[in-house]
């Protein structure tokens, strides 16, 4: 159950925190977002998710993927030692 809750937490990070970070970095480096600002950015992001965009799904699932890869790496390391 702990594993599922951890993955769910990372999924929420991928859904809400990472897009916010990307928006802030884009705003800082490239200037204002041409759409309707912060809310417009999220609306476009969720439209992309519903549309099946691989990039949007990768952003969403990347925290989970990093966690799983690190967990597998440590399990392999423990087996080798």
Protein backbone atom coordinates (compact mmCIF):
# COMPACT_ATOMS: atom_id res chain seq x y z
CA UNK A 1 0.00 0.00 0.00
CA UNK A 2 2.90 2.32 0.79
CA UNK A 3 4.30 1.75 -2.70
CA UNK A 4 0.98 2.64 -4.34
CA UNK A 5 0.65 5.82 -2.25
CA UNK A 6 4.21 6.81 -3.17
CA UNK A 7 3.53 6.33 -6.88
CA UNK A 8 0.25 8.25 -6.54
CA UNK A 9 2.10 11.12 -4.86
CA UNK A 10 4.63 11.23 -7.68
CA UNK A 11 1.79 11.14 -10.21
CA UNK A 12 0.26 14.20 -8.55
CA UNK A 13 3.65 15.92 -8.71
CA UNK A 14 3.78 15.15 -12.44
CA UNK A 15 0.26 16.47 -12.95
CA UNK A 16 0.47 19.71 -11.00
CA UNK A 17 3.98 20.64 -9.83
CA UNK A 18 6.10 19.91 -12.93
CA UNK A 19 3.86 21.85 -15.33
CA UNK A 20 3.99 24.80 -12.93
CA UNK A 21 7.80 24.61 -12.83
CA UNK A 22 7.93 24.43 -16.64
CA UNK A 23 5.59 27.43 -16.88
CA UNK A 24 7.73 29.45 -14.44
CA UNK A 25 10.98 28.59 -16.24
CA UNK A 26 9.44 29.38 -19.61
CA UNK A 27 8.13 32.69 -18.26
CA UNK A 28 11.55 33.59 -16.84
CA UNK A 29 13.65 32.58 -19.85
CA UNK A 30 11.43 33.20 -22.87
CA UNK A 31 8.99 35.80 -21.61
CA UNK A 32 5.26 35.81 -21.13
CA UNK A 33 3.16 32.86 -22.27
CA UNK A 34 1.16 33.85 -25.36
CA UNK A 35 -1.99 32.11 -24.15
CA UNK A 36 -4.17 33.04 -21.21
CA UNK A 37 -1.33 32.92 -18.72
CA UNK A 38 -1.00 30.28 -16.03
CA UNK A 39 -4.52 28.87 -16.30
CA UNK A 40 -4.31 28.78 -20.09
CA UNK A 41 -1.09 26.82 -19.83
CA UNK A 42 -2.73 24.22 -17.57
CA UNK A 43 -5.78 23.99 -19.83
CA UNK A 44 -3.53 23.30 -22.83
CA UNK A 45 -1.52 20.76 -20.81
CA UNK A 46 -4.63 18.81 -19.81
CA UNK A 47 -5.96 18.98 -23.38
CA UNK A 48 -2.70 17.44 -24.51
CA UNK A 49 -3.05 14.69 -21.90
CA UNK A 50 -6.58 13.92 -23.06
CA UNK A 51 -5.39 13.96 -26.66
CA UNK A 52 -2.74 11.33 -25.92
CA UNK A 53 0.35 13.49 -26.40
CA UNK A 54 3.42 11.41 -25.57
CA UNK A 55 5.31 14.47 -24.35
CA UNK A 56 2.55 15.45 -21.91
CA UNK A 57 2.28 11.90 -20.60
CA UNK A 58 6.06 11.68 -20.24
CA UNK A 59 6.04 14.85 -18.13
CA UNK A 60 3.22 13.45 -16.03
CA UNK A 61 4.81 10.04 -15.48
CA UNK A 62 8.46 11.11 -15.25
CA UNK A 63 8.55 11.43 -11.42
CA UNK A 64 7.13 7.89 -11.15
CA UNK A 65 9.62 6.60 -13.71
CA UNK A 66 12.55 8.17 -11.88
CA UNK A 67 11.37 6.65 -8.58
CA UNK A 68 10.95 3.18 -10.10
CA UNK A 69 14.34 3.33 -11.84
CA UNK A 70 16.09 4.38 -8.62
CA UNK A 71 14.30 1.64 -6.66
CA UNK A 72 15.29 -1.01 -9.23
CA UNK A 73 18.87 0.27 -9.27
CA UNK A 74 19.17 -0.09 -5.50
CA UNK A 75 17.65 -3.59 -5.59
CA UNK A 76 20.18 -4.65 -8.23
CA UNK A 77 23.00 -3.07 -6.21
CA UNK A 78 21.91 -4.95 -3.09
CA UNK A 79 21.83 -8.25 -4.98
CA UNK A 80 25.32 -7.70 -6.32
CA UNK A 81 26.85 -6.95 -2.94
